[in-house]
Amino acid sequence: MIARKTRVCRILAICFCIFATSGCRVLSPNFAALYLGVSDTQGSDEIYPPVIIIPGLLGSRLVDTQTGKEVWPGSAFDVAWGKYPDLVLDFDLDNPDQQSLVSAGIAESKLGVDFYGELLRVLEHYAGYERAVLGAGRPSPGQRRLYVFDYDWRQDNVRTVKKLHQFIQTIREDYASPKLKVDVIAHSMGGLMARYYLRFGNKDVLQDNDLNVTWAGAQAINKMILLGTPNLGSVSAIEGFIRGQIVGLRRIPEEVVATMPSTYQLFPHRIVDWLYDTSGQRLDIDQFDAAIWRELGWNVFAPQVRKRVVETKGADYYHRLTEHFARNAERARRFSWALTVCPNYDERKSECSEAAEPPVKLVVFGGNCAATPSRWVVETDGSGQRVVRFSPRQIRAKVPGVDYQDLMYDPGDGTVTKPSLLARDALSPNMPRHKFSYFPLAYSFLLCAKHFTLTGNRHFQANLLDVLLTRARPWELHKDHTLR
């Protein structure tokens, strides 16, 4: 009897395994069947919008002009063990373009890890795009062109936007078409630059508080596709300031990160609640106020960081570095507001009026399956000092009834939360959008992928090709559909 039961159990187990594996098999899009031939435009006289890929933070190779050495990402040893002191940005230069490091192409892969290489291959092989460089002249009839906008990702994003504008103008000259519109695929921080360009063109509006949205860049944009973009910032960016930016098995020192203006511009937006006490109560701490960083002893204001900087570069350099910190933190505040301020704010109703349709709406892709840091907890230690806890396991004196996992994490891609991706200050889609977060979304597509593997995700690539090869712009396909 026992043997019979055992045989039955084994048969049931085998059947379950067969059912489970067949039901859980991961399907992959057949690009050859879907797109080969569809993108064949030979014989066509049509001029197709060129595609520009804008990589994110760390997404462009940096080379030393004096030695020819690749500083970022560098060798395999650098990626695993390097602290990258040479990445420090010289903020004393009168002209920031005189930096010794310059961008030298997109980072395609390293140590067997794909960054943008697979995305480029798919666009070329299945969508019929041809990699092009500036100055290539007019395309042949029916030719689809693909451009890569690499840049020094350490620099202020608005400075880089000015170069993006010139990049697009040069493409227009190549096409002999001053009104040519381009399709943009922007990853991570690249999406913030793309959105700024869409709103303000190449104008620097961060000098004061007059953030008048002109849509100056929209006349050059056909479709804008954002991938893994932290549209309301990321607490991971602040962690890089407090503990150093992790790369491989080491961290880029805090004082090196502090020299890079772009990294401040990834801080969480002021409408986002990002810091709590152990009882689960929100703390109103202004992350863009250098005085707060000094009070909490973070980044260049930490005693150990100050000691390192003074010993290696002197007290005068340290003083200029703290001034650089305060200046860039304030610009980052204005940068975040510039991306979300409403173009048509109704003072009477105290809300954003959507009477005028934006000239371009956003197609957004991002992760939704990984527990992603969204809020931190501040705890007072035995000496009375306030200490930041980056995960629930670090909290020493937990308050009963507080779910720290739920408090400190949201769904996302491990770096960018779903709310930030969609420019929402709350996770629930039923909550109304914050009145100071205007975000003209066409539609979003959520994936199960980590931040640095999004570009290689086959489901992203399949839907990306569908967006690019569809003649109409996404929001024009559903005129009767109310977009949120």
Protein backbone atom coordinates (compact mmCIF):
# COMPACT_ATOMS: atom_id res chain seq x y z
CA MET A 1 0.00 0.00 0.00
CA ILE A 2 2.80 2.35 0.92
CA ALA A 3 4.66 1.51 -2.31
CA ARG A 4 1.52 2.20 -4.31
CA LYS A 5 1.06 5.57 -2.65
CA THR A 6 4.70 6.39 -3.33
CA ARG A 7 4.29 5.60 -7.05
CA VAL A 8 1.17 7.79 -7.19
CA CYS A 9 3.01 10.65 -5.50
CA ARG A 10 5.89 10.34 -7.95
CA ILE A 11 3.51 10.39 -10.93
CA LEU A 12 1.74 13.45 -9.53
CA ALA A 13 5.09 15.17 -8.91
CA ILE A 14 6.22 14.46 -12.48
CA CYS A 15 2.93 15.77 -13.86
CA PHE A 16 3.23 18.90 -11.71
CA CYS A 17 6.78 19.54 -12.93
CA ILE A 18 5.71 19.14 -16.57
CA PHE A 19 2.76 21.50 -16.01
CA ALA A 20 4.85 24.05 -14.13
CA THR A 21 7.67 24.19 -16.64
CA SER A 22 5.33 24.39 -19.61
CA GLY A 23 3.23 27.06 -17.97
CA CYS A 24 6.20 29.13 -16.75
CA ARG A 25 8.34 28.94 -19.85
CA VAL A 26 9.68 32.41 -20.68
CA LEU A 27 8.66 33.41 -24.18
CA SER A 28 10.95 35.58 -26.28
CA PRO A 29 9.80 37.72 -29.22
CA ASN A 30 10.69 36.39 -32.67
CA PHE A 31 12.19 39.56 -34.12
CA ALA A 32 12.95 37.93 -37.47
CA ALA A 33 9.31 36.99 -38.00
CA LEU A 34 7.98 40.26 -36.61
CA TYR A 35 10.19 42.84 -38.26
CA LEU A 36 12.49 41.50 -40.99
CA GLY A 37 10.98 42.77 -44.21
CA VAL A 38 8.63 45.17 -42.41
CA SER A 39 11.45 47.68 -42.05
CA ASP A 40 12.68 47.20 -45.62
CA THR A 41 12.33 50.65 -47.17
CA GLN A 42 14.42 50.22 -50.30
CA GLY A 43 12.84 52.00 -53.21
CA SER A 44 10.98 54.40 -50.94
CA ASP A 45 11.45 58.13 -51.44
CA GLU A 46 10.33 58.89 -47.89
CA ILE A 47 12.65 60.59 -45.42
CA TYR A 48 12.42 58.66 -42.16
CA PRO A 49 13.10 60.36 -38.82
CA PRO A 50 16.58 59.47 -37.60
CA VAL A 51 16.89 57.90 -34.14
CA ILE A 52 19.14 59.34 -31.42
CA ILE A 53 20.13 57.19 -28.45
CA ILE A 54 20.98 59.15 -25.28
CA PRO A 55 22.68 56.94 -22.66
CA GLY A 56 22.42 57.52 -18.94
CA LEU A 57 24.87 58.20 -16.12
CA LEU A 58 28.06 56.16 -16.64
CA GLY A 59 26.83 55.25 -20.15
CA SER A 60 29.57 56.96 -22.17
CA ARG A 61 33.24 56.04 -22.26
CA LEU A 62 35.60 58.72 -20.95
CA VAL A 63 39.15 59.02 -22.28
CA ASP A 64 42.08 61.16 -21.07
CA THR A 65 43.07 63.45 -23.95
CA GLN A 66 46.65 63.71 -22.71
CA THR A 67 47.43 60.02 -22.26
CA GLY A 68 44.81 58.38 -24.47
CA LYS A 69 43.89 56.11 -21.55
CA GLU A 70 40.28 55.04 -21.13
CA VAL A 71 39.44 56.20 -17.61
CA TRP A 72 35.82 55.03 -17.68
CA PRO A 73 34.96 52.20 -17.57
CA GLY A 74 38.63 51.34 -18.01
CA SER A 75 40.06 47.85 -17.58
CA ALA A 76 38.36 44.83 -16.04
CA PHE A 77 40.49 45.40 -12.92
CA ASP A 78 39.25 49.01 -12.74
CA VAL A 79 35.61 47.93 -12.91
CA ALA A 80 36.07 45.34 -10.17
CA TRP A 81 38.52 47.11 -7.83
CA GLY A 82 38.98 50.70 -8.97
CA LYS A 83 38.06 53.77 -6.92
CA TYR A 84 38.32 56.03 -10.00
CA PRO A 85 40.05 59.09 -8.50
CA ASP A 86 40.68 60.38 -12.06
CA LEU A 87 36.93 60.88 -12.55
CA VAL A 88 37.08 64.01 -10.40
CA LEU A 89 35.74 67.02 -12.33
CA ASP A 90 37.91 70.14 -12.29
CA PHE A 91 35.36 72.73 -11.18
CA ASP A 92 37.93 75.57 -11.10
CA LEU A 93 38.14 75.78 -14.89
CA ASP A 94 36.77 78.94 -16.51
CA ASN A 95 35.60 76.78 -19.42
CA PRO A 96 34.28 73.34 -18.34
CA ASP A 97 34.92 72.08 -21.89
CA GLN A 98 38.64 72.17 -21.14
CA GLN A 99 38.42 69.06 -18.96
CA SER A 100 41.16 66.48 -19.59
CA LEU A 101 38.52 63.74 -19.92
CA VAL A 102 36.25 63.63 -22.96
CA SER A 103 33.52 61.25 -24.08
CA ALA A 104 34.63 58.67 -26.64
CA GLY A 105 31.56 56.70 -27.63
CA ILE A 106 28.84 54.76 -25.91
CA ALA A 107 29.63 51.96 -23.44
CA GLU A 108 28.40 48.84 -25.27
CA SER A 109 29.56 46.07 -22.91
CA LYS A 110 32.15 45.18 -20.27
CA LEU A 111 33.14 41.92 -18.61
CA GLY A 112 30.42 40.15 -20.56
CA VAL A 113 27.76 42.57 -19.27
CA ASP A 114 25.74 44.29 -21.98
CA PHE A 115 24.93 47.98 -21.63
CA TYR A 116 23.85 49.30 -25.03
CA GLY A 117 25.42 46.87 -27.50
CA GLU A 118 22.42 44.55 -27.84
CA LEU A 119 20.03 47.48 -28.27
CA LEU A 120 22.16 48.86 -31.10
CA ARG A 121 22.35 45.44 -32.74
CA VAL A 122 18.56 44.96 -32.65
CA LEU A 123 17.91 48.39 -34.15
CA GLU A 124 20.40 47.74 -36.93
CA HIS A 125 19.56 44.12 -37.71
CA TYR A 126 15.78 44.03 -37.32
CA ALA A 127 14.61 47.63 -37.75
CA GLY A 128 16.92 48.44 -40.65
CA TYR A 129 18.71 51.38 -39.03
CA GLU A 130 22.26 52.18 -40.10
CA ARG A 131 24.75 53.62 -37.62
CA ALA A 132 25.65 57.14 -38.73
CA VAL A 133 28.07 59.88 -37.68
CA LEU A 134 27.69 63.63 -37.89
CA GLY A 135 28.75 65.09 -41.21
CA ALA A 136 27.70 62.05 -43.24
CA GLY A 137 25.66 64.16 -45.63
CA ARG A 138 22.16 63.46 -46.93
CA PRO A 139 20.80 59.95 -46.51
CA SER A 140 19.86 57.86 -49.51
CA PRO A 141 16.10 57.50 -50.23
CA GLY A 142 14.41 55.27 -47.67
CA GLN A 143 17.49 55.04 -45.43
CA ARG A 144 16.94 54.86 -41.68
CA ARG A 145 19.75 56.38 -39.63
CA LEU A 146 20.80 55.76 -36.04
CA TYR A 147 22.93 58.23 -34.07
CA VAL A 148 24.51 57.86 -30.63
CA PHE A 149 24.82 60.97 -28.50
CA ASP A 150 27.65 60.21 -26.11
CA TYR A 151 28.66 62.89 -23.59
CA ASP A 152 30.62 63.61 -20.42
CA TRP A 153 28.02 62.40 -17.92
CA ARG A 154 29.74 64.21 -15.03
CA GLN A 155 28.81 67.64 -16.39
CA ASP A 156 25.74 69.71 -15.56
CA ASN A 157 22.82 68.28 -17.55
CA VAL A 158 21.80 71.67 -18.92
CA ARG A 159 25.31 72.15 -20.33
CA THR A 160 24.96 68.76 -22.00
CA VAL A 161 21.51 69.72 -23.35
CA LYS A 162 23.15 72.60 -25.22
CA LYS A 163 25.40 70.05 -26.93
CA LEU A 164 22.40 67.85 -27.68
CA HIS A 165 20.75 70.82 -29.39
CA GLN A 166 23.82 71.36 -31.56
CA PHE A 167 23.94 67.62 -32.26
CA ILE A 168 20.36 67.74 -33.59
CA GLN A 169 21.07 70.89 -35.61
CA THR A 170 24.02 69.18 -37.30
CA ILE A 171 21.83 66.19 -38.19
CA ARG A 172 19.36 68.63 -39.76
CA GLU A 173 22.21 70.11 -41.80
CA ASP A 174 23.18 66.61 -42.96
CA TYR A 175 19.61 66.00 -44.06
CA ALA A 176 19.41 69.50 -45.60
CA SER A 177 16.15 69.82 -43.70
CA PRO A 178 15.95 72.66 -41.12
CA LYS A 179 12.60 71.38 -39.85
CA LEU A 180 13.59 67.71 -39.56
CA LYS A 181 12.25 65.91 -36.47
CA VAL A 182 14.11 63.10 -34.72
CA ASP A 183 13.05 60.12 -32.60
CA VAL A 184 14.77 59.98 -29.21
CA ILE A 185 15.47 56.89 -27.09
CA ALA A 186 16.77 58.09 -23.73
CA HIS A 187 17.94 55.83 -20.91
CA SER A 188 18.01 56.77 -17.22
CA MET A 189 19.51 60.25 -16.70
CA GLY A 190 19.47 60.74 -20.46
CA GLY A 191 15.68 60.92 -20.17
CA LEU A 192 15.93 63.92 -17.85
CA MET A 193 18.04 65.77 -20.42
CA ALA A 194 15.61 64.84 -23.19
CA ARG A 195 12.66 66.15 -21.17
CA TYR A 196 14.49 69.39 -20.37
CA TYR A 197 15.30 69.90 -24.06
CA LEU A 198 11.67 69.24 -24.97
CA ARG A 199 10.50 71.95 -22.55
CA PHE A 200 13.14 74.66 -22.90
CA GLY A 201 15.35 73.86 -25.89
CA ASN A 202 18.94 74.91 -25.26
CA LYS A 203 18.11 77.76 -22.89
CA ASP A 204 19.47 77.67 -19.32
CA VAL A 205 16.44 78.54 -17.17
CA LEU A 206 18.12 77.62 -13.87
CA GLN A 207 19.59 81.07 -13.28
CA ASP A 208 16.41 82.23 -11.53
CA ASN A 209 12.93 81.00 -10.62
CA ASP A 210 11.26 81.98 -13.89
CA LEU A 211 10.61 78.49 -15.26
CA ASN A 212 8.42 79.39 -18.22
CA VAL A 213 7.85 76.28 -20.36
CA THR A 214 8.17 77.22 -24.03
CA TRP A 215 8.32 73.73 -25.61
CA ALA A 216 11.25 75.11 -27.61
CA GLY A 217 12.70 71.65 -28.23
CA ALA A 218 9.43 70.10 -29.36
CA GLN A 219 9.82 71.42 -32.91
CA ALA A 220 12.77 69.01 -33.31
CA ILE A 221 11.17 65.92 -31.70
CA ASN A 222 8.94 63.36 -33.40
CA LYS A 223 8.77 60.61 -30.74
CA MET A 224 10.35 60.58 -27.29
CA ILE A 225 10.90 57.23 -25.59
CA LEU A 226 12.15 57.12 -22.00
CA LEU A 227 13.65 53.99 -20.44
CA GLY A 228 14.24 53.66 -16.70
CA THR A 229 14.25 57.44 -16.21
CA PRO A 230 14.05 58.70 -12.59
CA ASN A 231 11.54 61.42 -13.42
CA LEU A 232 11.16 62.36 -9.74
CA GLY A 233 14.72 61.46 -8.81
CA SER A 234 16.18 58.57 -6.83
CA VAL A 235 17.32 58.12 -3.24
CA SER A 236 20.11 55.93 -4.62
CA ALA A 237 21.72 59.13 -5.93
CA ILE A 238 21.90 60.55 -2.41
CA GLU A 239 23.30 57.26 -1.13
CA GLY A 240 26.15 57.72 -3.60
CA PHE A 241 26.87 61.05 -1.92
CA ILE A 242 26.71 59.71 1.62
CA ARG A 243 28.60 56.42 1.16
CA GLY A 244 30.27 56.85 -2.25
CA GLN A 245 29.04 55.58 -5.61
CA ILE A 246 29.33 51.81 -5.76
CA VAL A 247 31.10 50.35 -8.81
CA GLY A 248 32.08 46.69 -8.82
CA LEU A 249 33.45 45.80 -5.39
CA ARG A 250 34.52 49.33 -4.44
CA ARG A 251 33.03 52.81 -4.18
CA ILE A 252 33.94 56.06 -5.91
CA PRO A 253 34.80 58.38 -2.98
CA GLU A 254 32.24 60.95 -1.83
CA GLU A 255 34.50 63.90 -2.64
CA VAL A 256 34.86 62.69 -6.24
CA VAL A 257 31.10 62.28 -6.69
CA ALA A 258 30.56 65.76 -5.21
CA THR A 259 32.49 67.37 -8.09
CA MET A 260 29.96 66.09 -10.68
CA PRO A 261 27.01 68.52 -11.14
CA SER A 262 24.85 65.92 -12.91
CA THR A 263 24.70 63.65 -9.87
CA TYR A 264 22.97 66.33 -7.76
CA GLN A 265 20.30 66.54 -10.45
CA LEU A 266 19.29 62.95 -9.72
CA PHE A 267 18.22 63.75 -6.14
CA PRO A 268 14.57 63.06 -5.21
CA HIS A 269 12.17 65.87 -6.08
CA ARG A 270 10.96 68.04 -3.20
CA ILE A 271 7.40 66.73 -3.60
CA VAL A 272 8.68 63.22 -2.77
CA ASP A 273 8.70 61.98 0.85
CA TRP A 274 12.07 60.27 1.11
CA LEU A 275 13.10 60.43 4.78
CA TYR A 276 11.28 59.11 7.88
CA ASP A 277 11.93 58.50 11.55
CA THR A 278 11.73 55.04 13.15
CA SER A 279 8.07 55.54 14.07
CA GLY A 280 7.17 55.98 10.40
CA GLN A 281 6.70 59.75 10.54
CA ARG A 282 7.87 61.83 7.59
CA LEU A 283 10.83 64.14 8.18
CA ASP A 284 10.81 67.41 6.25
CA ILE A 285 14.50 67.65 5.38
CA ASP A 286 15.50 69.70 2.33
CA GLN A 287 17.98 67.60 0.40
CA PHE A 288 18.97 70.60 -1.74
CA ASP A 289 20.06 72.73 1.22
CA ALA A 290 23.80 72.52 1.83
CA ALA A 291 23.26 73.65 5.43
CA ILE A 292 21.34 70.42 6.10
CA TRP A 293 24.22 68.34 4.73
CA ARG A 294 26.60 70.26 6.97
CA GLU A 295 24.36 69.72 10.00
CA LEU A 296 24.04 65.98 9.32
CA GLY A 297 27.74 65.58 8.47
CA TRP A 298 27.14 64.10 5.01
CA ASN A 299 29.44 63.97 1.97
CA VAL A 300 32.11 66.72 1.98
CA PHE A 301 30.93 67.77 5.44
CA ALA A 302 31.73 64.38 6.96
CA PRO A 303 34.83 64.62 9.21
CA GLN A 304 36.63 61.74 7.48
CA VAL A 305 35.98 63.21 4.02
CA ARG A 306 37.15 66.67 5.09
CA LYS A 307 40.31 65.12 6.52
CA ARG A 308 41.05 63.24 3.28
CA VAL A 309 40.50 66.29 1.07
CA VAL A 310 42.53 68.70 3.22
CA GLU A 311 45.42 66.25 3.49
CA THR A 312 45.58 65.58 -0.26
CA LYS A 313 44.51 68.89 -1.83
CA GLY A 314 44.67 71.50 0.90
CA ALA A 315 42.24 73.59 2.94
CA ASP A 316 41.66 76.14 0.17
CA TYR A 317 40.53 73.42 -2.26
CA TYR A 318 38.24 72.00 0.41
CA HIS A 319 36.63 75.41 0.92
CA ARG A 320 36.00 75.78 -2.84
CA LEU A 321 34.59 72.26 -2.93
CA THR A 322 31.99 73.09 -0.25
CA GLU A 323 30.99 76.20 -2.22
CA HIS A 324 30.76 74.05 -5.37
CA PHE A 325 28.51 71.66 -3.44
CA ALA A 326 26.10 74.41 -2.32
CA ARG A 327 25.96 75.96 -5.79
CA ASN A 328 25.16 72.68 -7.55
CA ALA A 329 22.63 71.58 -4.94
CA GLU A 330 20.66 74.76 -5.58
CA ARG A 331 20.86 74.30 -9.36
CA ALA A 332 19.63 70.73 -8.89
CA ARG A 333 16.61 72.03 -6.98
CA ARG A 334 15.67 74.26 -9.90
CA PHE A 335 16.44 71.53 -12.41
CA SER A 336 13.94 69.16 -10.76
CA TRP A 337 11.25 71.86 -10.67
CA ALA A 338 11.97 72.81 -14.28
CA LEU A 339 11.04 69.26 -15.34
CA THR A 340 7.69 69.17 -13.54
CA VAL A 341 6.32 72.72 -13.45
CA CYS A 342 3.00 73.02 -15.23
CA PRO A 343 3.05 74.91 -18.57
CA ASN A 344 -0.51 76.19 -18.03
CA TYR A 345 -1.03 76.59 -14.29
CA ASP A 346 -4.50 77.85 -13.37
CA GLU A 347 -4.03 80.21 -10.42
CA ARG A 348 -7.79 80.41 -9.73
CA LYS A 349 -8.20 76.66 -9.42
CA SER A 350 -4.67 76.08 -8.05
CA GLU A 351 -4.20 73.25 -10.53
CA CYS A 352 -2.60 72.46 -13.85
CA SER A 353 -4.86 73.23 -16.78
CA GLU A 354 -4.61 70.70 -19.60
CA ALA A 355 -6.58 72.81 -22.06
CA ALA A 356 -3.64 72.96 -24.45
CA GLU A 357 -2.32 69.61 -25.68
CA PRO A 358 1.46 69.28 -25.30
CA PRO A 359 3.24 69.03 -28.65
CA VAL A 360 4.94 65.76 -27.67
CA LYS A 361 3.88 63.09 -25.20
CA LEU A 362 6.15 60.54 -23.59
CA VAL A 363 6.36 56.80 -24.11
CA VAL A 364 7.80 55.34 -20.90
CA PHE A 365 9.39 51.93 -20.28
CA GLY A 366 10.72 50.75 -16.93
CA GLY A 367 10.98 48.06 -14.28
CA ASN A 368 8.24 47.07 -11.88
CA CYS A 369 9.30 43.79 -10.23
CA ALA A 370 12.26 44.55 -7.96
CA ALA A 371 12.07 45.93 -4.43
CA THR A 372 13.63 49.37 -4.94
CA PRO A 373 14.86 51.82 -2.27
CA SER A 374 12.37 54.68 -2.05
CA ARG A 375 12.66 56.03 1.50
CA TRP A 376 15.21 55.93 4.29
CA VAL A 377 14.89 55.97 8.05
CA VAL A 378 16.81 58.27 10.37
CA GLU A 379 17.60 56.79 13.76
CA THR A 380 19.23 58.42 16.77
CA ASP A 381 22.13 56.34 18.07
CA GLY A 382 23.39 55.99 21.64
CA SER A 383 25.46 59.17 21.42
CA GLY A 384 22.48 61.25 20.26
CA GLN A 385 23.71 61.45 16.67
CA ARG A 386 21.23 61.03 13.81
CA VAL A 387 22.19 58.12 11.56
CA VAL A 388 20.65 57.16 8.21
CA ARG A 389 19.50 53.56 7.83
CA PHE A 390 19.46 52.41 4.22
CA SER A 391 17.64 49.11 4.83
CA PRO A 392 15.34 47.63 7.50
CA ARG A 393 18.03 45.27 8.82
CA GLN A 394 20.20 48.27 9.79
CA ILE A 395 17.58 49.68 12.18
CA ARG A 396 18.59 49.02 15.77
CA ALA A 397 15.49 50.05 17.73
CA LYS A 398 12.46 49.08 15.65
CA VAL A 399 9.05 50.39 16.64
CA PRO A 400 6.40 47.66 16.92
CA GLY A 401 3.73 47.86 14.25
CA VAL A 402 5.90 49.63 11.66
CA ASP A 403 6.43 47.63 8.47
CA TYR A 404 9.88 48.90 7.50
CA GLN A 405 10.02 46.81 4.33
CA ASP A 406 6.85 48.46 3.08
CA LEU A 407 8.01 51.87 4.31
CA MET A 408 11.44 51.80 2.69
CA TYR A 409 10.81 50.05 -0.64
CA ASP A 410 8.58 50.43 -3.68
CA PRO A 411 8.34 48.28 -6.82
CA GLY A 412 10.80 49.32 -9.50
CA ASP A 413 13.95 48.23 -11.29
CA GLY A 414 16.22 48.19 -8.23
CA THR A 415 17.35 51.78 -8.82
CA VAL A 416 14.31 53.71 -10.08
CA THR A 417 10.94 53.20 -8.42
CA LYS A 418 7.73 52.87 -10.40
CA PRO A 419 6.35 56.16 -8.92
CA SER A 420 9.48 58.05 -9.98
CA LEU A 421 9.38 56.45 -13.43
CA LEU A 422 5.82 57.73 -13.89
CA ALA A 423 6.53 61.05 -12.13
CA ARG A 424 4.08 60.27 -9.36
CA ASP A 425 4.66 61.03 -5.68
CA ALA A 426 2.52 58.04 -4.64
CA LEU A 427 2.58 54.38 -5.67
CA SER A 428 -1.17 53.94 -6.08
CA PRO A 429 -2.41 54.81 -9.61
CA ASN A 430 -5.73 55.77 -8.04
CA MET A 431 -4.14 58.73 -6.27
CA PRO A 432 -4.39 61.97 -8.25
CA ARG A 433 -1.17 63.28 -9.72
CA HIS A 434 0.55 65.94 -7.63
CA LYS A 435 -0.39 69.42 -8.84
CA PHE A 436 3.29 70.26 -9.28
CA SER A 437 4.13 67.17 -11.32
CA TYR A 438 3.05 67.77 -14.89
CA PHE A 439 3.98 64.74 -16.99
CA PRO A 440 2.48 64.36 -20.50
CA LEU A 441 2.39 60.56 -20.62
CA ALA A 442 1.24 58.81 -23.79
CA TYR A 443 1.50 55.37 -22.22
CA SER A 444 3.82 53.25 -20.09
CA PHE A 445 5.10 49.70 -20.44
CA LEU A 446 6.38 47.91 -17.31
CA LEU A 447 8.94 45.11 -17.37
CA CYS A 448 10.56 42.63 -14.99
CA ALA A 449 14.16 43.78 -15.42
CA LYS A 450 16.87 45.50 -13.38
CA HIS A 451 17.93 49.03 -14.20
CA PHE A 452 21.17 48.17 -16.00
CA THR A 453 19.62 45.33 -18.00
CA LEU A 454 16.61 47.25 -19.32
CA THR A 455 18.22 48.08 -22.66
CA GLY A 456 18.85 44.38 -23.35
CA ASN A 457 15.36 43.24 -22.32
CA ARG A 458 13.73 41.51 -25.30
CA HIS A 459 10.23 42.66 -24.40
CA PHE A 460 11.38 46.27 -24.24
CA GLN A 461 13.11 45.87 -27.59
CA ALA A 462 10.04 44.31 -29.21
CA ASN A 463 7.74 47.10 -28.07
CA LEU A 464 10.36 49.73 -28.90
CA LEU A 465 10.48 48.51 -32.50
CA ASP A 466 6.71 48.65 -32.64
CA VAL A 467 6.74 52.29 -31.48
CA LEU A 468 9.52 53.31 -33.87
CA LEU A 469 8.17 51.54 -36.97
CA THR A 470 4.63 52.79 -36.49
CA ARG A 471 4.13 55.87 -38.63
CA ALA A 472 1.76 57.66 -36.25
CA ARG A 473 2.96 59.02 -32.96
CA PRO A 474 1.65 56.92 -30.04
CA TRP A 475 -0.84 59.42 -28.65
CA GLU A 476 -2.28 60.03 -32.12
CA LEU A 477 -3.38 56.41 -32.39
CA HIS A 478 -6.03 56.84 -29.68
CA LYS A 479 -7.44 60.34 -30.00
CA ASP A 480 -10.57 59.25 -28.11
CA HIS A 481 -8.52 57.87 -25.20
CA THR A 482 -8.09 60.08 -22.16
CA LEU A 483 -4.44 60.08 -21.22
CA ARG A 484 -3.42 60.34 -17.56
